[in-house]
């Protein structure tokens, strides 16, 4: 008796492949490849980091400000406002008053003595009138310190300190200043030049003044240094008189 024939194998279809499950090893390989592709793409990394930051926000609790810091800030604000206010007020007052510098002048002078004990030691006697003018119409001026020097060319030969005084707006004050030179050393070339000028009946001196001035306007007041310089030309002693003079005053 012959054996029965075997049944034919089932036909090959694509759906059979689709229904088959991949192995675990194959899944691991695919996941690693996908991860490598994401890491190699920078845009994907940036998007993933942004999504993580959005998904996991960092919450910080606000810290309370120290009361000392608030107090210091308020003091700085008040000080700044006061500084601005006083600055504007000072500017307005300055523009409305228009302060001007006092003027120093020498309208008259007399030269009575010039002689040398030796070729280089001078004795002299000169008197001049110092004219202090306050050209301001609304400001009072006070002279707290007044120092006068007499020069022949670049060499000082006499000094004098004057008494302080004040001037009302628009006031003019004349002060007589007496300067004596006693055995004052002069370099040889200056001594020869002075003797030459005396013989020519034209003696030239320089008068320099340094003054500390205080200006008052109501409750406001400020101080500054004022410098006057006058060049005078006189006839020879004993009756030397002023011929010409030129003065300038500056801070």
Protein backbone atom coordinates (compact mmCIF):
# COMPACT_ATOMS: atom_id res chain seq x y z
CA UNK A 1 0.00 0.00 0.00
CA UNK A 2 1.42 3.38 -1.08
CA UNK A 3 1.86 6.18 1.51
CA UNK A 4 -0.35 9.28 1.27
CA UNK A 5 1.23 12.40 -0.31
CA UNK A 6 2.23 15.37 1.98
CA UNK A 7 0.15 18.55 1.77
CA UNK A 8 1.73 21.45 -0.20
CA UNK A 9 3.39 24.36 1.76
CA UNK A 10 1.33 27.55 2.19
CA UNK A 11 1.88 30.19 -0.47
CA UNK A 12 4.32 33.16 0.18
CA UNK A 13 2.56 36.45 0.87
CA UNK A 14 4.00 39.95 1.95
CA UNK A 15 1.48 40.26 4.74
CA UNK A 16 3.14 37.42 6.48
CA UNK A 17 6.34 39.45 6.74
CA UNK A 18 4.46 42.50 8.03
CA UNK A 19 2.91 40.56 10.85
CA UNK A 20 6.17 39.16 12.09
CA UNK A 21 7.59 40.88 15.21
CA UNK A 22 11.16 42.20 15.16
CA UNK A 23 13.56 40.74 17.61
CA UNK A 24 14.67 42.65 20.74
CA UNK A 25 18.22 42.98 19.38
CA UNK A 26 16.91 44.62 16.22
CA UNK A 27 14.89 47.13 18.30
CA UNK A 28 17.97 48.14 20.30
CA UNK A 29 19.92 48.76 17.08
CA UNK A 30 17.13 50.91 15.64
CA UNK A 31 16.79 53.01 18.83
CA UNK A 32 20.56 53.67 18.88
CA UNK A 33 20.50 54.75 15.23
CA UNK A 34 17.60 57.17 15.84
CA UNK A 35 19.37 58.63 18.89
CA UNK A 36 22.57 59.16 16.90
CA UNK A 37 20.62 60.92 14.15
CA UNK A 38 19.04 63.30 16.69
CA UNK A 39 22.40 64.07 18.31
CA UNK A 40 23.99 64.73 14.90
CA UNK A 41 21.23 67.26 14.08
CA UNK A 42 21.82 70.49 16.16
CA UNK A 43 18.33 71.85 15.46
CA UNK A 44 16.80 68.74 16.96
CA UNK A 45 19.02 69.09 20.07
CA UNK A 46 18.03 72.77 20.51
CA UNK A 47 14.35 71.95 20.14
CA UNK A 48 14.58 69.12 22.62
CA UNK A 49 16.41 71.34 25.16
CA UNK A 50 13.78 74.07 24.76
CA UNK A 51 11.01 71.56 25.24
CA UNK A 52 12.68 70.24 28.39
CA UNK A 53 13.11 73.74 29.74
CA UNK A 54 9.46 74.48 29.08
CA UNK A 55 8.35 71.23 30.57
CA UNK A 56 10.49 71.73 33.68
CA UNK A 57 10.41 75.46 34.63
CA UNK A 58 12.70 76.65 37.43
CA UNK A 59 10.77 78.61 40.03
CA UNK A 60 12.69 81.00 42.29
CA UNK A 61 11.18 82.65 45.29
CA UNK A 62 11.75 86.46 45.32
CA UNK A 63 14.07 87.70 48.07
CA UNK A 64 13.00 90.56 50.32
CA UNK A 65 15.03 93.79 50.04
CA UNK A 66 16.87 94.86 53.16
CA UNK A 67 15.27 97.97 54.77
CA UNK A 68 18.72 99.55 55.05
CA UNK A 69 19.03 99.42 51.26
CA UNK A 70 15.64 101.15 50.88
CA UNK A 71 16.66 103.81 53.40
CA UNK A 72 19.94 104.51 51.59
CA UNK A 73 18.17 104.73 48.22
CA UNK A 74 15.64 107.23 49.61
CA UNK A 75 18.42 109.37 51.10
CA UNK A 76 20.29 109.39 47.77
CA UNK A 77 17.12 110.41 45.97
CA UNK A 78 16.44 113.28 48.38
CA UNK A 79 20.05 114.47 48.18
CA UNK A 80 19.95 114.39 44.37
CA UNK A 81 16.73 116.40 44.27
CA UNK A 82 18.12 119.00 46.69
CA UNK A 83 21.33 119.26 44.68
CA UNK A 84 19.40 119.82 41.46
CA UNK A 85 17.14 122.40 43.17
CA UNK A 86 20.03 124.43 44.61
CA UNK A 87 21.94 124.20 41.33
CA UNK A 88 18.99 125.62 39.39
CA UNK A 89 18.42 128.32 42.02
CA UNK A 90 22.09 129.35 41.94
CA UNK A 91 22.06 129.51 38.14
CA UNK A 92 18.91 131.68 38.14
CA UNK A 93 20.39 134.05 40.74
CA UNK A 94 23.69 134.22 38.86
CA UNK A 95 21.98 135.08 35.58
CA UNK A 96 19.74 137.70 37.21
CA UNK A 97 22.50 139.40 39.23
CA UNK A 98 25.37 139.03 36.69
CA UNK A 99 28.26 139.41 39.17
CA UNK A 100 31.34 141.34 38.06
CA UNK A 101 34.88 141.34 39.42
CA UNK A 102 36.06 144.22 41.62
CA UNK A 103 38.62 146.54 40.04
CA UNK A 104 42.05 147.50 41.37
CA UNK A 105 43.70 150.71 40.09
CA UNK A 106 46.45 153.24 40.97
CA UNK A 107 45.30 156.74 39.96
CA UNK A 108 48.08 158.63 41.81
CA UNK A 109 51.59 158.02 43.17
CA UNK A 110 54.66 159.89 44.40
CA UNK A 111 58.30 158.83 44.54
CA UNK A 112 60.45 160.59 47.15
CA UNK A 113 63.59 158.48 47.65
CA UNK A 114 65.91 156.26 45.61
CA UNK A 115 69.49 155.77 46.75
CA UNK A 116 72.03 152.97 47.15
CA UNK A 117 74.09 152.34 50.29
CA UNK A 118 76.34 150.21 48.11
CA UNK A 119 76.13 149.29 44.43
CA UNK A 120 73.60 146.50 45.12
CA UNK A 121 71.51 147.56 48.18
CA UNK A 122 68.53 149.80 47.50
CA UNK A 123 66.69 152.24 49.74
CA UNK A 124 63.46 153.72 48.45
CA UNK A 125 60.24 155.48 49.48
CA UNK A 126 57.08 155.47 47.37
CA UNK A 127 53.45 156.28 48.15
CA UNK A 128 50.53 155.51 45.87
CA UNK A 129 46.74 155.56 46.02
CA UNK A 130 45.01 152.18 45.62
CA UNK A 131 41.55 152.46 44.13
CA UNK A 132 39.17 149.55 44.89
CA UNK A 133 35.91 149.68 42.93
CA UNK A 134 32.86 147.44 43.28
CA UNK A 135 31.01 147.57 39.92
CA UNK A 136 28.18 145.30 41.10
CA UNK A 137 24.79 146.91 41.72
CA UNK A 138 23.35 144.14 43.90
CA UNK A 139 26.38 142.49 45.49
CA UNK A 140 28.40 143.53 48.53
CA UNK A 141 32.12 142.76 48.46
CA UNK A 142 34.40 142.06 51.40
CA UNK A 143 38.21 142.04 51.24
CA UNK A 144 39.37 139.54 53.86
CA UNK A 145 43.08 139.64 52.96
CA UNK A 146 45.05 142.29 51.01
CA UNK A 147 48.73 141.91 50.15
CA UNK A 148 50.62 144.52 48.07
CA UNK A 149 54.07 144.04 46.49
CA UNK A 150 56.31 146.55 44.70
CA UNK A 151 58.58 145.21 41.93
CA UNK A 152 61.37 146.64 39.87
CA UNK A 153 61.33 144.46 36.76
CA UNK A 154 61.21 140.89 38.18
CA UNK A 155 62.68 141.67 41.62
CA UNK A 156 60.45 142.51 44.68
CA UNK A 157 61.64 145.58 46.61
CA UNK A 158 58.80 146.31 49.11
CA UNK A 159 55.64 144.72 50.58
CA UNK A 160 52.63 145.89 52.56
CA UNK A 161 49.57 144.22 54.14
CA UNK A 162 46.35 146.27 54.24
CA UNK A 163 43.51 146.14 56.70
CA UNK A 164 40.37 144.22 55.61
CA UNK A 165 37.28 146.19 54.63
CA UNK A 166 33.91 145.78 52.91
CA UNK A 167 32.25 147.61 50.02
CA UNK A 168 28.58 148.16 49.34
CA UNK A 169 27.23 147.76 45.80
CA UNK A 170 28.71 150.41 43.51
CA UNK A 171 31.06 151.79 46.19
CA UNK A 172 34.59 153.11 45.47
CA UNK A 173 37.27 153.07 48.16
CA UNK A 174 40.64 154.88 48.04
CA UNK A 175 43.47 153.57 50.22
CA UNK A 176 46.85 155.27 50.63
CA UNK A 177 49.68 152.74 50.54
CA UNK A 178 53.19 153.65 51.76
CA UNK A 179 55.99 151.32 50.69
CA UNK A 180 59.55 151.51 52.05
CA UNK A 181 62.61 149.69 50.73
CA UNK A 182 65.45 149.39 53.23
CA UNK A 183 68.72 147.80 52.15
CA UNK A 184 66.99 145.60 49.60
CA UNK A 185 69.39 143.55 47.53
CA UNK A 186 69.21 144.01 43.78
CA UNK A 187 71.25 141.99 41.29
CA UNK A 188 73.96 144.13 39.66
CA UNK A 189 72.24 144.36 36.27
CA UNK A 190 68.95 145.50 37.90
CA UNK A 191 70.75 148.06 40.09
CA UNK A 192 72.44 149.53 37.00
CA UNK A 193 69.12 149.64 35.15
CA UNK A 194 67.37 151.48 38.01
CA UNK A 195 70.16 154.07 38.21
CA UNK A 196 69.94 154.53 34.46
CA UNK A 197 66.15 155.11 34.61
CA UNK A 198 66.61 157.59 37.47
CA UNK A 199 69.10 159.59 35.41
CA UNK A 200 66.66 159.60 32.46
CA UNK A 201 63.84 160.86 34.77
CA UNK A 202 61.67 157.81 33.90
CA UNK A 203 61.36 155.20 36.65
CA UNK A 204 59.10 152.19 35.98
CA UNK A 205 57.70 150.07 38.83
CA UNK A 206 55.20 147.21 38.96
CA UNK A 207 52.59 147.01 41.72
CA UNK A 208 51.04 143.60 42.30
CA UNK A 209 48.16 142.89 44.67
CA UNK A 210 46.64 139.63 45.90
CA UNK A 211 43.20 139.88 47.53
CA UNK A 212 40.87 137.31 49.03
CA UNK A 213 37.37 138.51 48.20
CA UNK A 214 34.05 137.39 49.71
CA UNK A 215 30.86 138.16 47.82
CA UNK A 216 27.50 138.29 49.64
CA UNK A 217 23.99 138.11 48.21
CA UNK A 218 21.44 137.62 50.98
CA UNK A 219 22.17 134.25 52.55
CA UNK A 220 24.45 133.19 49.70
CA UNK A 221 28.18 133.94 49.86
CA UNK A 222 31.34 132.65 48.21
CA UNK A 223 35.05 133.53 48.24
CA UNK A 224 37.76 133.70 45.60
CA UNK A 225 41.23 135.17 45.02
CA UNK A 226 41.63 138.35 43.00
CA UNK A 227 44.92 139.51 41.47
CA UNK A 228 45.73 143.05 40.39
CA UNK A 229 48.76 144.19 38.40
CA UNK A 230 49.67 147.81 37.67
CA UNK A 231 52.66 149.20 35.80
CA UNK A 232 53.45 152.80 36.75
CA UNK A 233 55.90 155.24 35.19
CA UNK A 234 57.13 158.11 37.38
CA UNK A 235 59.60 160.97 37.33
CA UNK A 236 62.72 160.78 39.44
CA UNK A 237 62.80 161.67 43.17
CA UNK A 238 62.61 163.70 45.33
CA UNK A 239 59.48 165.02 43.57
CA UNK A 240 58.62 162.03 41.49
CA UNK A 241 55.04 162.07 40.19
CA UNK A 242 52.96 159.62 38.22
CA UNK A 243 53.20 160.03 34.44
CA UNK A 244 51.33 157.01 33.06
CA UNK A 245 49.92 153.78 34.44
CA UNK A 246 48.11 150.68 33.20
CA UNK A 247 46.26 148.19 35.42
CA UNK A 248 44.43 144.91 35.01
CA UNK A 249 42.49 142.78 37.45
CA UNK A 250 41.81 139.06 37.07
CA UNK A 251 40.99 135.97 39.08
